[in-house]
Amino acid sequence: MQKDIDIIIYGATGFTGQLCVKYFQSLNTDVNWAIAGRDQDKLQKVASDNSVDVEMLIADSDDEVALDILTSRAKVILSTTGPFHRYGSKLVASCVKNSANYVDITGENFWVKGLIAKHHEEASAKGIRIIPSCGYDSIPSDLGVFYSAKVLNKPIKRIESFHSWEGGASGGTLETMFSMGDLDLGDDLLDPYLLNPKDSYTQQQKEQSSDRVGIAKKNEINAWSGPFIMATANTRVVRRTEALLSLRQESYGSNFTYQEHALHKTWFSAFKSIIVTGISVLVLMSPLKRAVKPFLPKPGEGPSEAVQENGWFDCKYIVETEDGEKSVFNMNAKGDPGYKVTAKLISECALCLIEDADDLPGGSEYGGVLTSASGLGQPLISRLTKVGVNFKGPL
């Protein structure tokens, strides 16, 4: 079948999917895009609400025949349909089968591990880019580190990132977090190199990459560090990027390590975050979640437009090179990070695969289960700087 659609937004009726439709509608682009989901009436409402005249395609996440029609026609599938371990596996398999590039917003590393095992080799052979985690998880971590390393252009020993943000939560994200608590993930949750190829790190690197981070004063940024609840997702992506870049002889550094924190202005704020994080993990991993779940947003619900407009994220990076030099870099943007910014990020990733195809890192034949930095790199940074996502440094 002829690929006659550049990008299909799959899951367009979900909360984040609708934001992607709104974002695409706001652009002056010649890219041919369409929307897809499992409910014709809901798709029609999304199209009407956003005043868009695009093709609508119907495909349930379990319907392999319908998914094959989508991926046979599309050059890129943009998926916002989570939990991805529940709704995404057959779609990715169809993308690899029918040579469609793919981006999503998952933070489910255990699921991505499975994608690597099942599809990396074939996607690599076909030159198909399968790029999970293209939202707030995990682009600020992954692309911020990549930007910092490329600006310095010398071997990096260590990077630590420090995240601050303001925004809301959607029912879809909460459903993903609750559903993960029902799974027996074993050591997958604790392995800091979960997504890395075999033998791509040393025992010393592993020891310096623990998820257990405490409170510490960081004089370089005049702030305190504390635990960041999404660090276990983001750090694995950054480490996979470094491993993939190493295979292209573009390593950050031979003994590169990375850790991630929340940023706090005071010691007491950092201390409170440890208590809140501990309680959150306890609720997600215990029967207590059944008691709190009814009071939280349902799938399809999310933060108000005011919350989306007034939100923001800011990430600082302390970079230490192998020669002992330390520098500080920054990445930031306005808008609720989990939704408004995430919709912008994943949309620009999909557009990058189409409009910057000739300039993508690795060359036209490069593929596999990749990351935003290894699969999109500088072309994506260039796109994002034009739409209000700022990269700065050294400061």
Protein backbone atom coordinates (compact mmCIF):
# COMPACT_ATOMS: atom_id res chain seq x y z
CA MET A 1 0.00 0.00 0.00
CA GLN A 2 1.24 3.48 -0.90
CA LYS A 3 2.22 5.65 2.07
CA ASP A 4 -0.08 8.60 1.45
CA ILE A 5 -0.22 10.10 4.97
CA ASP A 6 2.78 11.73 6.64
CA ILE A 7 1.62 11.54 10.26
CA ILE A 8 -1.29 9.80 11.98
CA ILE A 9 -2.14 10.91 15.51
CA TYR A 10 -3.28 7.68 17.19
CA GLY A 11 -5.33 8.16 20.34
CA ALA A 12 -6.59 11.54 19.14
CA THR A 13 -9.65 11.44 21.42
CA GLY A 14 -7.61 11.13 24.62
CA PHE A 15 -6.63 14.15 26.69
CA THR A 16 -3.08 14.49 25.31
CA GLY A 17 -4.17 13.34 21.85
CA GLN A 18 -6.62 16.22 21.64
CA LEU A 19 -3.85 18.64 22.61
CA CYS A 20 -1.74 17.24 19.75
CA VAL A 21 -4.64 17.80 17.33
CA LYS A 22 -4.95 21.36 18.62
CA TYR A 23 -1.21 21.89 18.17
CA PHE A 24 -1.18 20.57 14.61
CA GLN A 25 -4.20 22.72 13.79
CA SER A 26 -2.26 25.79 14.96
CA LEU A 27 0.61 25.17 12.54
CA ASN A 28 1.04 26.42 9.03
CA THR A 29 2.36 23.13 7.67
CA ASP A 30 2.14 21.27 4.40
CA VAL A 31 2.47 17.96 6.23
CA ASN A 32 -0.42 15.64 5.46
CA TRP A 33 -1.80 14.42 8.79
CA ALA A 34 -4.75 12.39 10.00
CA ILE A 35 -6.32 11.28 13.26
CA ALA A 36 -7.12 7.79 14.47
CA GLY A 37 -8.82 6.04 17.37
CA ARG A 38 -11.42 3.42 18.10
CA ASP A 39 -14.57 5.59 18.19
CA GLN A 40 -15.82 7.38 15.05
CA ASP A 41 -18.18 9.71 16.94
CA LYS A 42 -15.45 10.84 19.34
CA LEU A 43 -13.03 11.41 16.48
CA GLN A 44 -15.65 13.49 14.68
CA LYS A 45 -16.15 15.60 17.81
CA VAL A 46 -12.41 16.21 18.17
CA ALA A 47 -12.21 17.28 14.52
CA SER A 48 -15.22 19.55 14.92
CA ASP A 49 -14.04 21.08 18.22
CA ASN A 50 -10.71 21.97 16.63
CA SER A 51 -12.10 23.01 13.23
CA VAL A 52 -9.90 20.57 11.34
CA ASP A 53 -10.72 18.82 8.10
CA VAL A 54 -8.55 15.70 8.20
CA GLU A 55 -9.05 12.04 7.47
CA MET A 56 -10.31 9.92 10.37
CA LEU A 57 -9.31 6.28 10.68
CA ILE A 58 -10.75 3.66 13.04
CA ALA A 59 -8.48 1.10 14.69
CA ASP A 60 -8.71 -0.62 18.05
CA SER A 61 -5.38 -1.34 19.73
CA ASP A 62 -6.09 -5.09 19.52
CA ASP A 63 -7.21 -5.09 15.88
CA GLU A 64 -4.08 -6.09 13.97
CA VAL A 65 -5.74 -5.79 10.56
CA ALA A 66 -6.92 -2.23 11.24
CA LEU A 67 -3.53 -1.28 12.71
CA ASP A 68 -1.80 -2.63 9.61
CA ILE A 69 -3.93 -0.34 7.46
CA LEU A 70 -2.78 2.64 9.53
CA THR A 71 0.90 1.73 9.50
CA SER A 72 0.87 0.81 5.82
CA ARG A 73 -0.38 4.28 4.94
CA ALA A 74 1.55 6.38 7.47
CA LYS A 75 5.18 7.46 7.38
CA VAL A 76 4.97 8.30 11.09
CA ILE A 77 2.63 7.13 13.85
CA LEU A 78 2.30 9.52 16.81
CA SER A 79 0.73 7.61 19.70
CA THR A 80 -0.66 9.03 22.94
CA THR A 81 -2.62 5.92 23.92
CA GLY A 82 -1.53 4.66 27.34
CA PRO A 83 -0.98 2.69 29.41
CA PHE A 84 1.32 1.64 26.61
CA HIS A 85 2.01 -1.83 28.00
CA ARG A 86 -1.73 -2.38 27.67
CA TYR A 87 -2.51 -0.63 24.37
CA GLY A 88 0.76 -0.09 22.50
CA SER A 89 2.47 -3.39 21.75
CA LYS A 90 0.54 -4.43 18.64
CA LEU A 91 0.78 -0.92 17.22
CA VAL A 92 4.58 -0.88 17.48
CA ALA A 93 4.79 -4.37 15.99
CA SER A 94 2.67 -3.17 13.08
CA CYS A 95 4.91 -0.12 12.59
CA VAL A 96 8.00 -2.30 12.32
CA LYS A 97 6.21 -4.75 10.02
CA ASN A 98 5.03 -2.02 7.66
CA SER A 99 8.01 0.36 7.91
CA ALA A 100 6.37 3.26 9.74
CA ASN A 101 8.38 5.43 12.11
CA TYR A 102 6.88 5.78 15.60
CA VAL A 103 6.89 8.21 18.54
CA ASP A 104 5.01 8.10 21.85
CA ILE A 105 4.92 9.60 25.36
CA THR A 106 5.41 6.52 27.51
CA GLY A 107 7.33 6.46 30.77
CA GLU A 108 6.98 2.67 31.02
CA ASN A 109 10.59 1.54 30.74
CA PHE A 110 9.75 -2.10 31.41
CA TRP A 111 7.57 -2.03 28.28
CA VAL A 112 10.28 -0.30 26.26
CA LYS A 113 12.68 -3.05 27.35
CA GLY A 114 10.32 -5.53 25.71
CA LEU A 115 10.20 -3.44 22.53
CA ILE A 116 13.99 -3.48 22.34
CA ALA A 117 14.08 -7.26 22.71
CA LYS A 118 11.36 -7.81 20.11
CA HIS A 119 11.94 -5.10 17.53
CA HIS A 120 15.30 -3.33 17.76
CA GLU A 121 17.14 -5.65 15.40
CA GLU A 122 14.46 -5.64 12.69
CA ALA A 123 13.81 -1.88 12.98
CA SER A 124 17.55 -1.28 12.73
CA ALA A 125 17.83 -3.44 9.61
CA LYS A 126 14.90 -1.61 8.00
CA GLY A 127 16.01 1.89 9.01
CA ILE A 128 12.80 2.45 10.99
CA ARG A 129 12.98 4.79 13.99
CA ILE A 130 10.90 3.61 16.95
CA ILE A 131 11.26 6.40 19.53
CA PRO A 132 9.36 6.06 22.83
CA SER A 133 9.33 8.65 25.65
CA CYS A 134 9.00 11.80 23.54
CA GLY A 135 7.06 13.89 26.08
CA TYR A 136 8.04 15.50 29.37
CA ASP A 137 9.18 11.94 30.00
CA SER A 138 11.94 11.99 28.90
CA ILE A 139 12.95 14.80 26.52
CA PRO A 140 14.13 17.41 29.07
CA SER A 141 16.44 14.80 30.58
CA ASP A 142 17.59 13.22 27.33
CA LEU A 143 17.84 16.25 25.06
CA GLY A 144 19.17 18.56 27.78
CA VAL A 145 22.05 16.20 28.47
CA PHE A 146 22.70 15.80 24.74
CA TYR A 147 22.71 19.57 24.20
CA SER A 148 25.10 20.17 27.11
CA ALA A 149 27.54 17.53 25.92
CA LYS A 150 27.51 18.74 22.33
CA VAL A 151 28.10 22.39 23.30
CA LEU A 152 31.13 21.50 25.44
CA ASN A 153 32.43 19.07 22.80
CA LYS A 154 34.83 17.32 25.15
CA PRO A 155 34.64 14.02 27.11
CA ILE A 156 32.04 14.20 29.88
CA LYS A 157 32.57 12.47 33.21
CA ARG A 158 29.22 13.13 34.85
CA ILE A 159 25.98 15.06 34.46
CA GLU A 160 23.37 15.66 37.14
CA SER A 161 20.00 17.22 36.28
CA PHE A 162 17.69 19.15 38.61
CA HIS A 163 14.00 19.48 37.73
CA SER A 164 11.39 22.01 38.85
CA TRP A 165 7.92 22.39 37.39
CA GLU A 166 4.32 23.45 37.86
CA GLY A 167 1.33 21.73 36.29
CA GLY A 168 -1.51 19.27 36.70
CA ALA A 169 -2.21 15.57 36.35
CA SER A 170 -4.41 13.71 33.88
CA GLY A 171 -6.45 10.60 34.45
CA GLY A 172 -4.51 8.76 31.76
CA THR A 173 -1.17 9.28 33.48
CA LEU A 174 -2.61 8.28 36.85
CA GLU A 175 -4.13 5.15 35.29
CA THR A 176 -0.70 4.21 33.94
CA MET A 177 0.91 4.65 37.35
CA PHE A 178 -1.80 2.64 39.08
CA SER A 179 -1.65 -0.14 36.50
CA MET A 180 2.12 -0.48 36.93
CA GLY A 181 1.56 -1.12 40.61
CA ASP A 182 -0.40 -4.24 39.66
CA LEU A 183 2.47 -5.74 37.67
CA ASP A 184 5.24 -7.97 38.94
CA LEU A 185 8.18 -6.05 37.53
CA GLY A 186 10.81 -7.65 39.73
CA ASP A 187 14.28 -6.23 39.23
CA ASP A 188 13.22 -4.12 36.25
CA LEU A 189 12.25 -1.22 38.49
CA LEU A 190 15.65 -1.19 40.18
CA ASP A 191 18.04 -1.74 37.26
CA PRO A 192 19.61 1.63 36.37
CA TYR A 193 20.77 0.25 33.01
CA LEU A 194 17.50 -1.49 32.14
CA LEU A 195 17.44 -0.20 28.55
CA ASN A 196 21.14 -0.57 27.76
CA PRO A 197 22.65 -3.11 25.39
CA LYS A 198 24.56 -5.90 27.08
CA ASP A 199 28.11 -5.03 28.17
CA SER A 200 27.64 -1.31 27.50
CA TYR A 201 28.54 -0.19 31.05
CA THR A 202 30.93 -1.08 33.85
CA GLN A 203 30.24 -2.10 37.41
CA GLN A 204 31.74 1.21 38.55
CA GLN A 205 29.29 3.14 36.37
CA LYS A 206 26.41 1.12 37.79
CA GLU A 207 27.49 1.87 41.36
CA GLN A 208 27.53 5.60 40.56
CA SER A 209 24.06 5.52 38.99
CA SER A 210 21.88 4.64 41.96
CA ASP A 211 18.29 5.85 42.17
CA ARG A 212 18.79 6.50 45.87
CA VAL A 213 19.49 10.21 46.05
CA GLY A 214 19.28 12.25 49.22
CA ILE A 215 19.23 15.91 50.16
CA ALA A 216 22.33 17.85 49.16
CA LYS A 217 23.26 21.49 48.70
CA LYS A 218 24.29 22.25 45.13
CA ASN A 219 26.31 25.45 45.22
CA GLU A 220 26.67 25.59 41.43
CA ILE A 221 22.92 26.29 41.09
CA ASN A 222 22.29 27.70 44.59
CA ALA A 223 19.67 25.05 45.37
CA TRP A 224 19.03 21.80 47.19
CA SER A 225 18.49 18.43 45.56
CA GLY A 226 15.81 15.90 46.45
CA PRO A 227 14.24 12.79 44.90
CA PHE A 228 12.40 13.20 41.58
CA ILE A 229 9.59 10.69 41.11
CA MET A 230 10.20 10.34 37.35
CA ALA A 231 13.96 9.84 37.66
CA THR A 232 13.67 6.07 37.39
CA ALA A 233 12.08 6.52 33.96
CA ASN A 234 14.23 9.35 32.63
CA THR A 235 17.68 8.15 33.72
CA ARG A 236 17.31 4.87 31.82
CA VAL A 237 16.57 6.76 28.62
CA VAL A 238 19.64 9.00 29.00
CA ARG A 239 21.86 5.97 29.62
CA ARG A 240 20.45 4.20 26.54
CA THR A 241 21.20 7.31 24.49
CA GLU A 242 24.83 7.26 25.59
CA ALA A 243 25.13 3.57 24.68
CA LEU A 244 23.58 4.12 21.25
CA LEU A 245 25.80 7.14 20.60
CA SER A 246 28.83 5.08 21.61
CA LEU A 247 27.96 2.57 18.88
CA ARG A 248 28.20 5.51 16.43
CA GLN A 249 31.53 6.61 18.01
CA GLU A 250 29.80 9.67 19.50
CA SER A 251 30.05 8.76 23.19
CA TYR A 252 29.59 11.42 25.86
CA GLY A 253 32.59 9.94 27.67
CA SER A 254 34.10 6.53 28.32
CA ASN A 255 33.00 6.48 31.98
CA PHE A 256 29.95 8.77 31.71
CA THR A 257 27.42 8.66 34.55
CA TYR A 258 24.10 10.43 35.04
CA GLN A 259 21.76 11.04 37.97
CA GLU A 260 18.57 13.06 38.29
CA HIS A 261 16.97 15.09 41.08
CA ALA A 262 14.19 17.50 41.89
CA LEU A 263 15.35 21.06 42.54
CA HIS A 264 14.39 22.83 45.78
CA LYS A 265 15.11 26.33 46.97
CA THR A 266 15.38 25.29 50.64
CA TRP A 267 16.47 22.29 52.69
CA PHE A 268 13.00 22.03 54.24
CA SER A 269 11.34 21.84 50.82
CA ALA A 270 13.69 19.01 49.85
CA PHE A 271 12.92 17.20 53.11
CA LYS A 272 9.17 17.48 52.52
CA SER A 273 9.65 16.03 49.04
CA ILE A 274 11.19 12.89 50.49
CA ILE A 275 8.11 12.39 52.67
CA VAL A 276 5.69 13.06 49.80
CA THR A 277 7.60 10.80 47.40
CA GLY A 278 7.66 8.00 49.97
CA ILE A 279 3.91 8.27 50.57
CA SER A 280 3.22 8.36 46.81
CA VAL A 281 5.22 5.18 46.19
CA LEU A 282 3.52 3.49 49.15
CA VAL A 283 0.08 4.31 47.78
CA LEU A 284 0.91 3.17 44.24
CA MET A 285 2.39 -0.13 45.37
CA SER A 286 -0.18 -1.09 47.99
CA PRO A 287 -3.95 -1.68 48.33
CA LEU A 288 -4.22 1.95 49.47
CA LYS A 289 -4.46 2.96 45.81
CA ARG A 290 -8.00 1.56 45.64
CA ALA A 291 -9.05 3.98 48.37
CA VAL A 292 -7.62 7.11 46.72
CA LYS A 293 -8.29 6.30 43.06
CA PRO A 294 -11.99 7.35 43.06
CA PHE A 295 -11.00 10.88 44.12
CA LEU A 296 -8.50 11.40 41.28
CA PRO A 297 -9.04 12.39 37.61
CA LYS A 298 -10.38 9.63 35.36
CA PRO A 299 -8.85 8.64 31.99
CA GLY A 300 -9.69 11.36 29.47
CA GLU A 301 -9.70 14.05 32.16
CA GLY A 302 -6.86 16.48 32.80
CA PRO A 303 -5.80 19.91 33.99
CA SER A 304 -7.85 22.98 33.09
CA GLU A 305 -6.82 25.34 30.33
CA ALA A 306 -5.72 27.86 32.95
CA VAL A 307 -3.44 25.29 34.60
CA GLN A 308 -2.06 24.33 31.20
CA GLU A 309 -1.31 27.94 30.28
CA ASN A 310 0.22 28.88 33.64
CA GLY A 311 2.41 25.80 34.01
CA TRP A 312 6.13 25.58 33.28
CA PHE A 313 9.20 23.43 33.61
CA ASP A 314 12.83 24.27 34.25
CA CYS A 315 15.74 21.86 34.24
CA LYS A 316 19.32 22.66 35.23
CA TYR A 317 22.32 20.47 34.47
CA ILE A 318 25.63 20.40 36.30
CA VAL A 319 28.15 19.01 33.82
CA GLU A 320 31.60 17.79 34.86
CA THR A 321 34.09 17.05 32.08
CA GLU A 322 36.85 14.47 32.36
CA ASP A 323 39.40 17.28 32.82
CA GLY A 324 37.57 18.48 35.96
CA GLU A 325 35.78 21.53 34.53
CA LYS A 326 32.21 22.13 35.75
CA SER A 327 29.50 24.00 33.81
CA VAL A 328 25.80 24.70 34.25
CA PHE A 329 23.22 24.42 31.45
CA ASN A 330 19.47 25.02 31.37
CA MET A 331 16.38 23.90 29.45
CA ASN A 332 12.96 25.44 30.09
CA ALA A 333 9.56 26.17 28.59
CA LYS A 334 6.22 27.69 29.52
CA GLY A 335 3.07 25.58 29.72
CA ASP A 336 1.95 22.64 31.83
CA PRO A 337 4.81 20.16 31.28
CA GLY A 338 2.82 16.94 31.41
CA TYR A 339 0.26 17.99 28.80
CA LYS A 340 0.62 21.30 26.96
CA VAL A 341 4.41 21.00 26.65
CA THR A 342 4.26 17.24 26.13
CA ALA A 343 1.86 17.69 23.20
CA LYS A 344 4.27 20.21 21.68
CA LEU A 345 7.28 17.96 22.23
CA ILE A 346 5.83 14.80 20.69
CA SER A 347 4.26 16.73 17.81
CA GLU A 348 7.60 18.30 16.95
CA CYS A 349 9.26 14.86 17.17
CA ALA A 350 6.79 13.50 14.61
CA LEU A 351 7.25 16.55 12.38
CA CYS A 352 11.02 16.25 12.69
CA LEU A 353 10.86 12.73 11.24
CA ILE A 354 9.07 14.14 8.18
CA GLU A 355 10.43 17.64 7.62
CA ASP A 356 14.03 16.98 8.72
CA ALA A 357 14.34 13.45 7.35
CA ASP A 358 17.49 14.24 5.35
CA ASP A 359 19.31 15.67 8.38
CA LEU A 360 18.52 13.09 11.05
CA PRO A 361 21.45 11.67 13.05
CA GLY A 362 22.85 8.36 11.91
CA GLY A 363 21.86 8.87 8.29
CA SER A 364 18.87 7.78 6.27
CA GLU A 365 19.41 4.06 6.92
CA TYR A 366 19.67 4.39 10.72
CA GLY A 367 16.96 2.79 12.83
CA GLY A 368 16.03 0.71 15.84
CA VAL A 369 14.32 1.31 19.17
CA LEU A 370 15.95 4.68 19.79
CA THR A 371 15.71 7.75 22.02
CA SER A 372 14.91 11.35 21.20
CA ALA A 373 18.59 12.34 21.41
CA SER A 374 20.00 9.40 19.45
CA GLY A 375 17.23 9.33 16.86
CA LEU A 376 16.42 13.04 16.40
CA GLY A 377 19.24 14.96 18.09
CA GLN A 378 20.22 18.41 16.83
CA PRO A 379 17.40 18.73 14.25
CA LEU A 380 14.90 18.35 17.10
CA ILE A 381 16.72 20.92 19.25
CA SER A 382 16.62 23.36 16.34
CA ARG A 383 12.87 22.82 15.93
CA LEU A 384 12.11 23.19 19.62
CA THR A 385 14.03 26.46 19.99
CA LYS A 386 11.70 27.96 17.37
CA VAL A 387 8.55 27.05 19.35
CA GLY A 388 9.42 28.32 22.82
CA VAL A 389 11.55 25.53 24.28
CA ASN A 390 14.77 27.15 25.43
CA PHE A 391 18.27 25.66 25.64
CA LYS A 392 20.90 27.77 27.39
CA GLY A 393 24.48 27.46 28.53
CA PRO A 394 27.05 27.31 29.70
CA LEU A 395 25.67 29.84 32.18
